[in-house]
Amino acid sequence: MTNFLPKVFIAALLSTVVGAHSYAASPAGKSCPVFSPVMSLSLGDIYADAQGSVPNEAVVHKNRDLTAGVDEFMRYLEKALDNPDARPGESSAACAYGNFATWAKAGALTTEPKPFSREGAAKRSEYLIGINILALKFKAAGFTMDPNMLAWLRSLNRANTLSFERGTNRGNLRIWSAAAAALYALIERDVDALNFQDRVWREAMEAIHDDGTIDVEMARSHRALIYHMFSLSATLVLRSAREALGYWGTSQDNGRLRRLADNIGRTLCDQHEMERAAKAVQEIPGDWAYRVPIGYGADLLNSDWSRCGRPKADLSDPTSGGDARRSAQMLRWFAQHAGTQRSTR
């Protein structure tokens, strides 16, 4: 494939600062924002209570300011790659590719802050879902991951997998980490990533009770509903990535996922049962909690989701890879073209 990186670097030398970004001429002659790599994330813990159910809004806003550079980088790339015309030679996609190359060469997000930031590590893990999906969208658009990009993705993903292998977290963040590992295994084969995502998939299936509840998420008090939705979302991305790898779920797995989705739908319509179990009034989520379930798991959503949820939620999932429906469609394409088909049976 054509490599546009030299032109972007040459243009960057001639860039002028405009507002928060530098701008350079893109390969097609249009302005191309240059996003300075963010090397580390040192963030404050957002929850003010032991159950992790009451966000400290002052810390949330401060963290948002600290992650703005990553957010702007991700959103630009997501918009460029969700464009149906994205391809080598198209100006926005080429600009996005140049910025991705710059972040890769710099080793963005690979520096650990001192002291260690637990919230920063968790946020980096969340971003990794989007970074991996962007890499796959580049691939789907006809771009090639160069050696610097592959080395960067390898460093981020292996560190993330190792962290969650050693950790004790068995909630939705561990499932998200497995989804990242499965997505990374689509970029380049990695035995450790494949084994980790498969092990966590089995853990996630076993954690879903017959009534569709998950113990670790029920313990989140006021946010039990929200965290059940987060767990479903993480599992749906993991399911799609696994299918793209050739791992197909069993009928038992599909039944467990449906029970989880049905429990959420039932709770969206009537929170009393979950409120009794969680011993707390439930917070009702906004559009952001529906993007992945609608984009990746429409086959699991019953009428309660349409009747009591937000069926017309905006499916653009900023910093998580872009439009959730497009991301899921891309993974289905990879699934249809998977090589050796595996089965979890």
C-alpha atoms as a PDB file:
ATOM      1  CA  MET A   1       0.000   0.000   0.000  1.00  0.00           C
ATOM      2  CA  THR A   2       1.049   3.603  -0.511  1.00  0.00           C
ATOM      3  CA  ASN A   3       2.695   5.118   2.565  1.00  0.00           C
ATOM      4  CA  PHE A   4       1.748   8.783   3.059  1.00  0.00           C
ATOM      5  CA  LEU A   5       3.882   9.233   6.160  1.00  0.00           C
ATOM      6  CA  PRO A   6       6.808  11.082   4.542  1.00  0.00           C
ATOM      7  CA  LYS A   7       4.538  13.783   3.120  1.00  0.00           C
ATOM      8  CA  VAL A   8       2.851  14.281   6.477  1.00  0.00           C
ATOM      9  CA  PHE A   9       6.180  14.619   8.266  1.00  0.00           C
ATOM     10  CA  ILE A  10       7.516  17.064   5.680  1.00  0.00           C
ATOM     11  CA  ALA A  11       4.331  19.112   5.896  1.00  0.00           C
ATOM     12  CA  ALA A  12       4.494  19.070   9.703  1.00  0.00           C
ATOM     13  CA  LEU A  13       7.840  20.859   9.538  1.00  0.00           C
ATOM     14  CA  LEU A  14       6.098  23.701   7.720  1.00  0.00           C
ATOM     15  CA  SER A  15       3.014  23.789   9.930  1.00  0.00           C
ATOM     16  CA  THR A  16       1.739  26.853  11.744  1.00  0.00           C
ATOM     17  CA  VAL A  17      -0.022  26.865  15.092  1.00  0.00           C
ATOM     18  CA  VAL A  18      -3.732  27.634  14.931  1.00  0.00           C
ATOM     19  CA  GLY A  19      -5.641  27.455  18.241  1.00  0.00           C
ATOM     20  CA  ALA A  20      -4.964  24.233  20.143  1.00  0.00           C
ATOM     21  CA  HIS A  21      -3.509  22.328  17.197  1.00  0.00           C
ATOM     22  CA  SER A  22      -0.863  22.663  14.545  1.00  0.00           C
ATOM     23  CA  TYR A  23      -2.109  22.469  10.997  1.00  0.00           C
ATOM     24  CA  ALA A  24      -0.222  21.144   8.011  1.00  0.00           C
ATOM     25  CA  ALA A  25      -0.990  20.561   4.379  1.00  0.00           C
ATOM     26  CA  SER A  26      -2.418  17.077   3.849  1.00  0.00           C
ATOM     27  CA  PRO A  27      -1.393  14.924   0.852  1.00  0.00           C
ATOM     28  CA  ALA A  28      -4.399  16.268  -1.036  1.00  0.00           C
ATOM     29  CA  GLY A  29      -3.507  19.848  -0.186  1.00  0.00           C
ATOM     30  CA  LYS A  30      -6.146  20.379   2.507  1.00  0.00           C
ATOM     31  CA  SER A  31      -5.300  21.401   6.081  1.00  0.00           C
ATOM     32  CA  CYS A  32      -4.407  18.520   8.356  1.00  0.00           C
ATOM     33  CA  PRO A  33      -4.511  18.989  12.128  1.00  0.00           C
ATOM     34  CA  VAL A  34      -1.442  17.621  13.904  1.00  0.00           C
ATOM     35  CA  PHE A  35      -2.214  16.166  17.336  1.00  0.00           C
ATOM     36  CA  SER A  36       0.716  16.124  19.738  1.00  0.00           C
ATOM     37  CA  PRO A  37       1.194  12.662  21.282  1.00  0.00           C
ATOM     38  CA  VAL A  38       0.091  12.272  24.897  1.00  0.00           C
ATOM     39  CA  MET A  39       2.669  10.119  26.637  1.00  0.00           C
ATOM     40  CA  SER A  40       0.947   9.249  29.924  1.00  0.00           C
ATOM     41  CA  LEU A  41      -2.285   9.642  31.884  1.00  0.00           C
ATOM     42  CA  SER A  42      -2.193  10.646  35.549  1.00  0.00           C
ATOM     43  CA  LEU A  43      -5.824  10.906  36.633  1.00  0.00           C
ATOM     44  CA  GLY A  44      -7.709  11.180  39.901  1.00  0.00           C
ATOM     45  CA  ASP A  45     -10.000   8.428  41.193  1.00  0.00           C
ATOM     46  CA  ILE A  46     -13.500   9.396  40.095  1.00  0.00           C
ATOM     47  CA  TYR A  47     -15.543   7.563  42.726  1.00  0.00           C
ATOM     48  CA  ALA A  48     -16.120   9.014  46.165  1.00  0.00           C
ATOM     49  CA  ASP A  49     -17.619   5.884  47.769  1.00  0.00           C
ATOM     50  CA  ALA A  50     -16.482   2.314  48.403  1.00  0.00           C
ATOM     51  CA  GLN A  51     -19.131   0.821  46.094  1.00  0.00           C
ATOM     52  CA  GLY A  52     -17.963   2.879  43.114  1.00  0.00           C
ATOM     53  CA  SER A  53     -21.408   4.334  42.555  1.00  0.00           C
ATOM     54  CA  VAL A  54     -21.096   8.066  43.307  1.00  0.00           C
ATOM     55  CA  PRO A  55     -18.813   9.955  40.898  1.00  0.00           C
ATOM     56  CA  ASN A  56     -16.911  12.961  42.214  1.00  0.00           C
ATOM     57  CA  GLU A  57     -17.949  15.465  39.545  1.00  0.00           C
ATOM     58  CA  ALA A  58     -15.040  17.830  40.258  1.00  0.00           C
ATOM     59  CA  VAL A  59     -12.559  15.004  39.606  1.00  0.00           C
ATOM     60  CA  VAL A  60     -14.508  13.866  36.534  1.00  0.00           C
ATOM     61  CA  HIS A  61     -14.234  17.342  35.007  1.00  0.00           C
ATOM     62  CA  LYS A  62     -10.545  17.656  35.881  1.00  0.00           C
ATOM     63  CA  ASN A  63      -9.820  14.264  34.313  1.00  0.00           C
ATOM     64  CA  ARG A  64     -11.717  15.305  31.207  1.00  0.00           C
ATOM     65  CA  ASP A  65      -9.393  18.278  30.834  1.00  0.00           C
ATOM     66  CA  LEU A  66      -6.365  16.006  31.282  1.00  0.00           C
ATOM     67  CA  THR A  67      -7.537  13.569  28.599  1.00  0.00           C
ATOM     68  CA  ALA A  68      -8.619  16.228  26.091  1.00  0.00           C
ATOM     69  CA  GLY A  69      -5.559  15.669  23.897  1.00  0.00           C
ATOM     70  CA  VAL A  70      -6.312  11.966  23.509  1.00  0.00           C
ATOM     71  CA  ASP A  71     -10.019  12.610  22.995  1.00  0.00           C
ATOM     72  CA  GLU A  72      -9.390  15.098  20.178  1.00  0.00           C
ATOM     73  CA  PHE A  73      -6.921  12.759  18.473  1.00  0.00           C
ATOM     74  CA  MET A  74      -9.333   9.815  18.678  1.00  0.00           C
ATOM     75  CA  ARG A  75     -12.378  11.750  17.496  1.00  0.00           C
ATOM     76  CA  TYR A  76     -10.603  13.117  14.448  1.00  0.00           C
ATOM     77  CA  LEU A  77      -9.438   9.654  13.416  1.00  0.00           C
ATOM     78  CA  GLU A  78     -12.849   8.113  14.082  1.00  0.00           C
ATOM     79  CA  LYS A  79     -14.623  10.686  11.926  1.00  0.00           C
ATOM     80  CA  ALA A  80     -12.092  10.260   9.128  1.00  0.00           C
ATOM     81  CA  LEU A  81     -12.304   6.459   9.102  1.00  0.00           C
ATOM     82  CA  ASP A  82     -16.099   6.270   9.440  1.00  0.00           C
ATOM     83  CA  ASN A  83     -16.310   8.215   6.187  1.00  0.00           C
ATOM     84  CA  PRO A  84     -17.382   5.703   3.493  1.00  0.00           C
ATOM     85  CA  ASP A  85     -14.795   7.300   1.172  1.00  0.00           C
ATOM     86  CA  ALA A  86     -11.887   6.620   3.549  1.00  0.00           C
ATOM     87  CA  ARG A  87      -8.955   5.124   1.616  1.00  0.00           C
ATOM     88  CA  PRO A  88      -5.290   5.836   0.855  1.00  0.00           C
ATOM     89  CA  GLY A  89      -5.235   9.117  -1.062  1.00  0.00           C
ATOM     90  CA  GLU A  90      -8.377  10.560   0.529  1.00  0.00           C
ATOM     91  CA  SER A  91      -7.237  13.641   2.439  1.00  0.00           C
ATOM     92  CA  SER A  92      -8.856  13.124   5.859  1.00  0.00           C
ATOM     93  CA  ALA A  93      -7.967   9.426   6.004  1.00  0.00           C
ATOM     94  CA  ALA A  94      -4.385  10.164   4.955  1.00  0.00           C
ATOM     95  CA  CYS A  95      -4.162  12.875   7.622  1.00  0.00           C
ATOM     96  CA  ALA A  96      -5.526  10.442  10.214  1.00  0.00           C
ATOM     97  CA  TYR A  97      -2.961   7.837   9.150  1.00  0.00           C
ATOM     98  CA  GLY A  98      -0.141  10.357   9.504  1.00  0.00           C
ATOM     99  CA  ASN A  99      -1.252  11.272  13.024  1.00  0.00           C
ATOM    100  CA  PHE A 100      -1.575   7.595  13.972  1.00  0.00           C
ATOM    101  CA  ALA A 101       1.979   7.068  12.713  1.00  0.00           C
ATOM    102  CA  THR A 102       3.234  10.019  14.761  1.00  0.00           C
ATOM    103  CA  TRP A 103       1.653   8.690  17.959  1.00  0.00           C
ATOM    104  CA  ALA A 104       3.047   5.235  17.240  1.00  0.00           C
ATOM    105  CA  LYS A 105       6.587   6.500  16.648  1.00  0.00           C
ATOM    106  CA  ALA A 106       6.439   8.535  19.871  1.00  0.00           C
ATOM    107  CA  GLY A 107       5.122   5.576  21.896  1.00  0.00           C
ATOM    108  CA  ALA A 108       2.098   7.567  23.059  1.00  0.00           C
ATOM    109  CA  LEU A 109       0.408   6.428  26.293  1.00  0.00           C
ATOM    110  CA  THR A 110       3.212   3.959  27.093  1.00  0.00           C
ATOM    111  CA  THR A 111       4.901   6.026  29.837  1.00  0.00           C
ATOM    112  CA  GLU A 112       3.783   5.116  33.352  1.00  0.00           C
ATOM    113  CA  PRO A 113       3.263   8.180  35.569  1.00  0.00           C
ATOM    114  CA  LYS A 114       4.879   8.313  38.995  1.00  0.00           C
ATOM    115  CA  PRO A 115       3.178   7.729  41.308  1.00  0.00           C
ATOM    116  CA  PHE A 116       1.130   5.052  39.537  1.00  0.00           C
ATOM    117  CA  SER A 117      -2.332   6.240  38.500  1.00  0.00           C
ATOM    118  CA  ARG A 118      -4.981   3.535  38.804  1.00  0.00           C
ATOM    119  CA  GLU A 119      -7.568   5.699  37.068  1.00  0.00           C
ATOM    120  CA  GLY A 120      -5.058   6.567  34.345  1.00  0.00           C
ATOM    121  CA  ALA A 121      -4.356   2.883  33.698  1.00  0.00           C
ATOM    122  CA  ALA A 122      -8.087   2.144  33.530  1.00  0.00           C
ATOM    123  CA  LYS A 123      -8.649   5.015  31.098  1.00  0.00           C
ATOM    124  CA  ARG A 124      -5.774   3.867  28.893  1.00  0.00           C
ATOM    125  CA  SER A 125      -7.349   0.413  28.806  1.00  0.00           C
ATOM    126  CA  GLU A 126     -10.621   1.984  27.650  1.00  0.00           C
ATOM    127  CA  TYR A 127      -8.831   3.955  24.937  1.00  0.00           C
ATOM    128  CA  LEU A 128      -7.142   0.766  23.759  1.00  0.00           C
ATOM    129  CA  ILE A 129     -10.477  -0.584  22.488  1.00  0.00           C
ATOM    130  CA  GLY A 130     -10.775   2.480  20.252  1.00  0.00           C
ATOM    131  CA  ILE A 131      -7.115   2.431  19.187  1.00  0.00           C
ATOM    132  CA  ASN A 132      -7.366  -1.212  18.126  1.00  0.00           C
ATOM    133  CA  ILE A 133     -10.621  -0.608  16.252  1.00  0.00           C
ATOM    134  CA  LEU A 134      -9.016   2.351  14.483  1.00  0.00           C
ATOM    135  CA  ALA A 135      -6.098   0.131  13.442  1.00  0.00           C
ATOM    136  CA  LEU A 136      -8.580  -2.378  12.011  1.00  0.00           C
ATOM    137  CA  LYS A 137     -10.497   0.397  10.237  1.00  0.00           C
ATOM    138  CA  PHE A 138      -7.234   1.545   8.660  1.00  0.00           C
ATOM    139  CA  LYS A 139      -6.707  -2.031   7.495  1.00  0.00           C
ATOM    140  CA  ALA A 140     -10.262  -2.272   6.144  1.00  0.00           C
ATOM    141  CA  ALA A 141      -9.756   1.029   4.276  1.00  0.00           C
ATOM    142  CA  GLY A 142      -6.629  -0.288   2.548  1.00  0.00           C
ATOM    143  CA  PHE A 143      -3.870   1.094   4.760  1.00  0.00           C
ATOM    144  CA  THR A 144      -0.993  -0.973   6.139  1.00  0.00           C
ATOM    145  CA  MET A 145       0.252  -0.950   9.714  1.00  0.00           C
ATOM    146  CA  ASP A 146       3.970  -0.084   9.462  1.00  0.00           C
ATOM    147  CA  PRO A 147       6.574  -1.583  11.867  1.00  0.00           C
ATOM    148  CA  ASN A 148       6.370   1.392  14.267  1.00  0.00           C
ATOM    149  CA  MET A 149       2.600   1.072  14.450  1.00  0.00           C
ATOM    150  CA  LEU A 150       2.745  -2.664  15.105  1.00  0.00           C
ATOM    151  CA  ALA A 151       5.412  -2.197  17.784  1.00  0.00           C
ATOM    152  CA  TRP A 152       3.298   0.485  19.480  1.00  0.00           C
ATOM    153  CA  LEU A 153       0.148  -1.608  19.408  1.00  0.00           C
ATOM    154  CA  ARG A 154       2.116  -4.610  20.678  1.00  0.00           C
ATOM    155  CA  SER A 155       3.501  -2.615  23.602  1.00  0.00           C
ATOM    156  CA  LEU A 156       0.127  -1.175  24.617  1.00  0.00           C
ATOM    157  CA  ASN A 157      -1.764  -4.427  24.291  1.00  0.00           C
ATOM    158  CA  ARG A 158       0.732  -6.711  25.970  1.00  0.00           C
ATOM    159  CA  ALA A 159       1.055  -4.352  28.931  1.00  0.00           C
ATOM    160  CA  ASN A 160      -2.736  -4.172  29.210  1.00  0.00           C
ATOM    161  CA  THR A 161      -3.187  -7.940  29.085  1.00  0.00           C
ATOM    162  CA  LEU A 162      -0.424  -8.497  31.626  1.00  0.00           C
ATOM    163  CA  SER A 163      -1.977  -5.953  33.998  1.00  0.00           C
ATOM    164  CA  PHE A 164      -5.362  -7.674  33.972  1.00  0.00           C
ATOM    165  CA  GLU A 165      -3.870 -11.160  34.115  1.00  0.00           C
ATOM    166  CA  ARG A 166      -2.158 -10.189  37.370  1.00  0.00           C
ATOM    167  CA  GLY A 167      -5.018  -8.113  38.748  1.00  0.00           C
ATOM    168  CA  THR A 168      -7.992  -9.198  40.819  1.00  0.00           C
ATOM    169  CA  ASN A 169     -10.666  -7.163  38.962  1.00  0.00           C
ATOM    170  CA  ARG A 170     -13.417  -9.491  37.718  1.00  0.00           C
ATOM    171  CA  GLY A 171     -15.829  -6.795  36.626  1.00  0.00           C
ATOM    172  CA  ASN A 172     -16.525  -5.214  33.273  1.00  0.00           C
ATOM    173  CA  LEU A 173     -13.019  -3.721  32.976  1.00  0.00           C
ATOM    174  CA  ARG A 174     -11.552  -7.221  32.755  1.00  0.00           C
ATOM    175  CA  ILE A 175     -13.996  -8.072  29.958  1.00  0.00           C
ATOM    176  CA  TRP A 176     -13.076  -4.857  28.159  1.00  0.00           C
ATOM    177  CA  SER A 177      -9.412  -5.851  28.464  1.00  0.00           C
ATOM    178  CA  ALA A 178     -10.241  -9.210  26.873  1.00  0.00           C
ATOM    179  CA  ALA A 179     -12.096  -7.414  24.072  1.00  0.00           C
ATOM    180  CA  ALA A 180      -8.964  -5.329  23.474  1.00  0.00           C
ATOM    181  CA  ALA A 181      -6.871  -8.513  23.393  1.00  0.00           C
ATOM    182  CA  ALA A 182      -9.195 -10.141  20.864  1.00  0.00           C
ATOM    183  CA  LEU A 183      -9.155  -7.028  18.666  1.00  0.00           C
ATOM    184  CA  TYR A 184      -5.363  -6.927  18.865  1.00  0.00           C
ATOM    185  CA  ALA A 185      -5.176 -10.591  17.799  1.00  0.00           C
ATOM    186  CA  LEU A 186      -6.967  -9.521  14.600  1.00  0.00           C
ATOM    187  CA  ILE A 187      -4.191  -7.007  13.918  1.00  0.00           C
ATOM    188  CA  GLU A 188      -1.387  -9.501  14.453  1.00  0.00           C
ATOM    189  CA  ARG A 189      -1.524 -13.014  15.833  1.00  0.00           C
ATOM    190  CA  ASP A 190      -0.580 -13.200  19.501  1.00  0.00           C
ATOM    191  CA  VAL A 191      -0.982 -16.475  21.380  1.00  0.00           C
ATOM    192  CA  ASP A 192      -1.105 -14.815  24.800  1.00  0.00           C
ATOM    193  CA  ALA A 193      -3.857 -12.442  23.635  1.00  0.00           C
ATOM    194  CA  LEU A 194      -5.848 -15.330  22.175  1.00  0.00           C
ATOM    195  CA  ASN A 195      -5.569 -17.373  25.351  1.00  0.00           C
ATOM    196  CA  PHE A 196      -6.443 -14.426  27.596  1.00  0.00           C
ATOM    197  CA  GLN A 197      -9.552 -13.406  25.666  1.00  0.00           C
ATOM    198  CA  ASP A 198     -10.786 -17.005  25.594  1.00  0.00           C
ATOM    199  CA  ARG A 199     -10.265 -17.462  29.344  1.00  0.00           C
ATOM    200  CA  VAL A 200     -12.082 -14.203  30.168  1.00  0.00           C
ATOM    201  CA  TRP A 201     -14.937 -15.081  27.803  1.00  0.00           C
ATOM    202  CA  ARG A 202     -15.552 -18.251  29.790  1.00  0.00           C
ATOM    203  CA  GLU A 203     -15.349 -16.322  33.069  1.00  0.00           C
ATOM    204  CA  ALA A 204     -17.864 -13.771  31.767  1.00  0.00           C
ATOM    205  CA  MET A 205     -20.329 -16.469  30.717  1.00  0.00           C
ATOM    206  CA  GLU A 206     -20.070 -18.233  34.081  1.00  0.00           C
ATOM    207  CA  ALA A 207     -20.666 -14.943  35.940  1.00  0.00           C
ATOM    208  CA  ILE A 208     -24.151 -14.445  34.444  1.00  0.00           C
ATOM    209  CA  HIS A 209     -26.828 -15.957  36.706  1.00  0.00           C
ATOM    210  CA  ASP A 210     -30.066 -17.501  35.480  1.00  0.00           C
ATOM    211  CA  ASP A 211     -31.902 -14.265  36.319  1.00  0.00           C
ATOM    212  CA  GLY A 212     -29.435 -12.245  34.197  1.00  0.00           C
ATOM    213  CA  THR A 213     -27.644 -10.603  37.107  1.00  0.00           C
ATOM    214  CA  ILE A 214     -23.883 -10.423  37.710  1.00  0.00           C
ATOM    215  CA  ASP A 215     -22.737 -10.365  41.332  1.00  0.00           C
ATOM    216  CA  VAL A 216     -19.791  -7.995  40.918  1.00  0.00           C
ATOM    217  CA  GLU A 217     -21.921  -5.451  39.035  1.00  0.00           C
ATOM    218  CA  MET A 218     -24.866  -5.786  41.429  1.00  0.00           C
ATOM    219  CA  ALA A 219     -22.487  -4.609  44.146  1.00  0.00           C
ATOM    220  CA  ARG A 220     -22.225  -1.197  42.411  1.00  0.00           C
ATOM    221  CA  SER A 221     -25.214   0.134  44.386  1.00  0.00           C
ATOM    222  CA  HIS A 222     -26.836   3.107  42.575  1.00  0.00           C
ATOM    223  CA  ARG A 223     -25.034   2.180  39.349  1.00  0.00           C
ATOM    224  CA  ALA A 224     -25.842  -1.542  39.277  1.00  0.00           C
ATOM    225  CA  LEU A 225     -28.013  -1.102  36.162  1.00  0.00           C
ATOM    226  CA  ILE A 226     -25.387   1.000  34.429  1.00  0.00           C
ATOM    227  CA  TYR A 227     -22.641  -1.488  35.219  1.00  0.00           C
ATOM    228  CA  HIS A 228     -24.726  -4.398  33.965  1.00  0.00           C
ATOM    229  CA  MET A 229     -25.024  -2.415  30.723  1.00  0.00           C
ATOM    230  CA  PHE A 230     -21.271  -1.821  30.682  1.00  0.00           C
ATOM    231  CA  SER A 231     -20.676  -5.544  31.209  1.00  0.00           C
ATOM    232  CA  LEU A 232     -23.058  -6.413  28.374  1.00  0.00           C
ATOM    233  CA  SER A 233     -21.330  -3.855  26.127  1.00  0.00           C
ATOM    234  CA  ALA A 234     -17.881  -5.240  26.844  1.00  0.00           C
ATOM    235  CA  THR A 235     -19.072  -8.795  26.238  1.00  0.00           C
ATOM    236  CA  LEU A 236     -20.704  -7.811  22.935  1.00  0.00           C
ATOM    237  CA  VAL A 237     -17.488  -6.256  21.606  1.00  0.00           C
ATOM    238  CA  LEU A 238     -15.600  -9.342  22.776  1.00  0.00           C
ATOM    239  CA  ARG A 239     -18.171 -11.579  21.046  1.00  0.00           C
ATOM    240  CA  SER A 240     -17.799  -9.704  17.754  1.00  0.00           C
ATOM    241  CA  ALA A 241     -14.001  -9.790  17.895  1.00  0.00           C
ATOM    242  CA  ARG A 242     -14.065 -13.513  18.748  1.00  0.00           C
ATOM    243  CA  GLU A 243     -16.307 -14.253  15.788  1.00  0.00           C
ATOM    244  CA  ALA A 244     -13.911 -12.315  13.549  1.00  0.00           C
ATOM    245  CA  LEU A 245     -11.153 -14.575  14.905  1.00  0.00           C
ATOM    246  CA  GLY A 246     -13.232 -17.655  14.182  1.00  0.00           C
ATOM    247  CA  TYR A 247     -14.445 -18.390  17.726  1.00  0.00           C
ATOM    248  CA  TRP A 248     -18.178 -19.047  17.617  1.00  0.00           C
ATOM    249  CA  GLY A 249     -20.278 -19.063  20.759  1.00  0.00           C
ATOM    250  CA  THR A 250     -22.322 -22.002  21.968  1.00  0.00           C
ATOM    251  CA  SER A 251     -26.086 -22.031  22.355  1.00  0.00           C
ATOM    252  CA  GLN A 252     -25.484 -21.919  26.111  1.00  0.00           C
ATOM    253  CA  ASP A 253     -23.374 -18.769  25.732  1.00  0.00           C
ATOM    254  CA  ASN A 254     -26.051 -17.136  23.602  1.00  0.00           C
ATOM    255  CA  GLY A 255     -28.656 -18.043  26.220  1.00  0.00           C
ATOM    256  CA  ARG A 256     -26.607 -16.418  28.980  1.00  0.00           C
ATOM    257  CA  LEU A 257     -26.141 -13.240  26.956  1.00  0.00           C
ATOM    258  CA  ARG A 258     -29.843 -13.102  26.218  1.00  0.00           C
ATOM    259  CA  ARG A 259     -30.667 -13.477  29.925  1.00  0.00           C
ATOM    260  CA  LEU A 260     -28.337 -10.577  30.720  1.00  0.00           C
ATOM    261  CA  ALA A 261     -29.883  -8.412  27.987  1.00  0.00           C
ATOM    262  CA  ASP A 262     -33.430  -9.370  29.072  1.00  0.00           C
ATOM    263  CA  ASN A 263     -32.671  -8.472  32.691  1.00  0.00           C
ATOM    264  CA  ILE A 264     -31.403  -5.056  31.606  1.00  0.00           C
ATOM    265  CA  GLY A 265     -34.448  -4.465  29.400  1.00  0.00           C
ATOM    266  CA  ARG A 266     -36.788  -5.498  32.222  1.00  0.00           C
ATOM    267  CA  THR A 267     -34.990  -3.140  34.610  1.00  0.00           C
ATOM    268  CA  LEU A 268     -35.162  -0.237  32.177  1.00  0.00           C
ATOM    269  CA  CYS A 269     -38.947  -0.592  32.371  1.00  0.00           C
ATOM    270  CA  ASP A 270     -39.169  -1.231  36.105  1.00  0.00           C
ATOM    271  CA  GLN A 271     -36.230  -0.672  38.453  1.00  0.00           C
ATOM    272  CA  HIS A 272     -37.873  -2.017  41.635  1.00  0.00           C
ATOM    273  CA  GLU A 273     -36.464  -5.557  41.453  1.00  0.00           C
ATOM    274  CA  MET A 274     -32.883  -4.391  40.918  1.00  0.00           C
ATOM    275  CA  GLU A 275     -33.287  -1.645  43.493  1.00  0.00           C
ATOM    276  CA  ARG A 276     -34.298  -4.231  46.093  1.00  0.00           C
ATOM    277  CA  ALA A 277     -31.347  -6.455  45.211  1.00  0.00           C
ATOM    278  CA  ALA A 278     -28.821  -3.598  45.040  1.00  0.00           C
ATOM    279  CA  LYS A 279     -30.385  -1.787  48.014  1.00  0.00           C
ATOM    280  CA  ALA A 280     -30.217   1.518  46.137  1.00  0.00           C
ATOM    281  CA  VAL A 281     -32.257   3.667  43.756  1.00  0.00           C
ATOM    282  CA  GLN A 282     -30.876   3.129  40.269  1.00  0.00           C
ATOM    283  CA  GLU A 283     -29.330   5.808  38.091  1.00  0.00           C
ATOM    284  CA  ILE A 284     -30.899   5.801  34.616  1.00  0.00           C
ATOM    285  CA  PRO A 285     -28.268   5.933  31.861  1.00  0.00           C
ATOM    286  CA  GLY A 286     -28.114   8.282  28.906  1.00  0.00           C
ATOM    287  CA  ASP A 287     -27.426   7.605  25.214  1.00  0.00           C
ATOM    288  CA  TRP A 288     -23.849   6.590  25.989  1.00  0.00           C
ATOM    289  CA  ALA A 289     -24.984   3.296  27.555  1.00  0.00           C
ATOM    290  CA  TYR A 290     -26.951   2.231  24.454  1.00  0.00           C
ATOM    291  CA  ARG A 291     -24.355   2.729  21.716  1.00  0.00           C
ATOM    292  CA  VAL A 292     -22.604  -0.619  21.953  1.00  0.00           C
ATOM    293  CA  PRO A 293     -25.710  -2.755  22.728  1.00  0.00           C
ATOM    294  CA  ILE A 294     -27.582  -1.329  19.721  1.00  0.00           C
ATOM    295  CA  GLY A 295     -24.529  -1.278  17.446  1.00  0.00           C
ATOM    296  CA  TYR A 296     -23.170  -4.734  18.312  1.00  0.00           C
ATOM    297  CA  GLY A 297     -26.050  -6.648  19.894  1.00  0.00           C
ATOM    298  CA  ALA A 298     -29.367  -5.747  18.260  1.00  0.00           C
ATOM    299  CA  ASP A 299     -30.095  -9.496  17.947  1.00  0.00           C
ATOM    300  CA  LEU A 300     -30.292  -9.738  21.754  1.00  0.00           C
ATOM    301  CA  LEU A 301     -32.444  -6.704  22.541  1.00  0.00           C
ATOM    302  CA  ASN A 302     -36.106  -7.433  23.292  1.00  0.00           C
ATOM    303  CA  SER A 303     -39.076  -5.060  23.079  1.00  0.00           C
ATOM    304  CA  ASP A 304     -38.342  -3.646  26.551  1.00  0.00           C
ATOM    305  CA  TRP A 305     -35.247  -1.968  25.158  1.00  0.00           C
ATOM    306  CA  SER A 306     -37.330  -0.161  22.530  1.00  0.00           C
ATOM    307  CA  ARG A 307     -40.243   0.570  24.833  1.00  0.00           C
ATOM    308  CA  CYS A 308     -38.306   1.812  27.863  1.00  0.00           C
ATOM    309  CA  GLY A 309     -34.809   2.537  26.546  1.00  0.00           C
ATOM    310  CA  ARG A 310     -33.388   4.820  23.907  1.00  0.00           C
ATOM    311  CA  PRO A 311     -33.754   3.021  20.566  1.00  0.00           C
ATOM    312  CA  LYS A 312     -32.758   6.161  18.637  1.00  0.00           C
ATOM    313  CA  ALA A 313     -29.577   6.781  20.623  1.00  0.00           C
ATOM    314  CA  ASP A 314     -26.687   8.332  18.732  1.00  0.00           C
ATOM    315  CA  LEU A 315     -24.419   5.396  17.897  1.00  0.00           C
ATOM    316  CA  SER A 316     -21.271   7.480  17.559  1.00  0.00           C
ATOM    317  CA  ASP A 317     -19.095   6.164  20.397  1.00  0.00           C
ATOM    318  CA  PRO A 318     -16.381   8.822  20.807  1.00  0.00           C
ATOM    319  CA  THR A 319     -12.909   7.527  21.700  1.00  0.00           C
ATOM    320  CA  SER A 320     -14.108   3.907  21.458  1.00  0.00           C
ATOM    321  CA  GLY A 321     -13.559   3.471  17.735  1.00  0.00           C
ATOM    322  CA  GLY A 322     -16.293   5.667  16.283  1.00  0.00           C
ATOM    323  CA  ASP A 323     -19.753   4.682  15.078  1.00  0.00           C
ATOM    324  CA  ALA A 324     -20.623   1.450  16.910  1.00  0.00           C
ATOM    325  CA  ARG A 325     -22.720   0.048  14.069  1.00  0.00           C
ATOM    326  CA  ARG A 326     -19.931   0.634  11.541  1.00  0.00           C
ATOM    327  CA  SER A 327     -17.404  -0.943  13.894  1.00  0.00           C
ATOM    328  CA  ALA A 328     -19.613  -4.017  14.316  1.00  0.00           C
ATOM    329  CA  GLN A 329     -20.155  -4.248  10.543  1.00  0.00           C
ATOM    330  CA  MET A 330     -16.403  -4.169  10.001  1.00  0.00           C
ATOM    331  CA  LEU A 331     -15.903  -7.022  12.472  1.00  0.00           C
ATOM    332  CA  ARG A 332     -18.653  -9.022  10.757  1.00  0.00           C
ATOM    333  CA  TRP A 333     -16.749  -8.575   7.498  1.00  0.00           C
ATOM    334  CA  PHE A 334     -13.615  -9.948   9.161  1.00  0.00           C
ATOM    335  CA  ALA A 335     -15.710 -12.825  10.565  1.00  0.00           C
ATOM    336  CA  GLN A 336     -16.991 -13.700   7.098  1.00  0.00           C
ATOM    337  CA  HIS A 337     -13.412 -13.788   5.821  1.00  0.00           C
ATOM    338  CA  ALA A 338     -11.896 -15.557   8.841  1.00  0.00           C
ATOM    339  CA  GLY A 339      -9.544 -18.392   7.976  1.00  0.00           C
ATOM    340  CA  THR A 340      -9.784 -21.502  10.083  1.00  0.00           C
ATOM    341  CA  GLN A 341     -13.096 -21.435  11.907  1.00  0.00           C
ATOM    342  CA  ARG A 342     -12.927 -22.398  15.568  1.00  0.00           C
ATOM    343  CA  SER A 343     -15.802 -23.310  17.840  1.00  0.00           C
ATOM    344  CA  THR A 344     -16.093 -22.856  21.568  1.00  0.00           C
ATOM    345  CA  ARG A 345     -18.157 -26.023  21.735  1.00  0.00           C
END
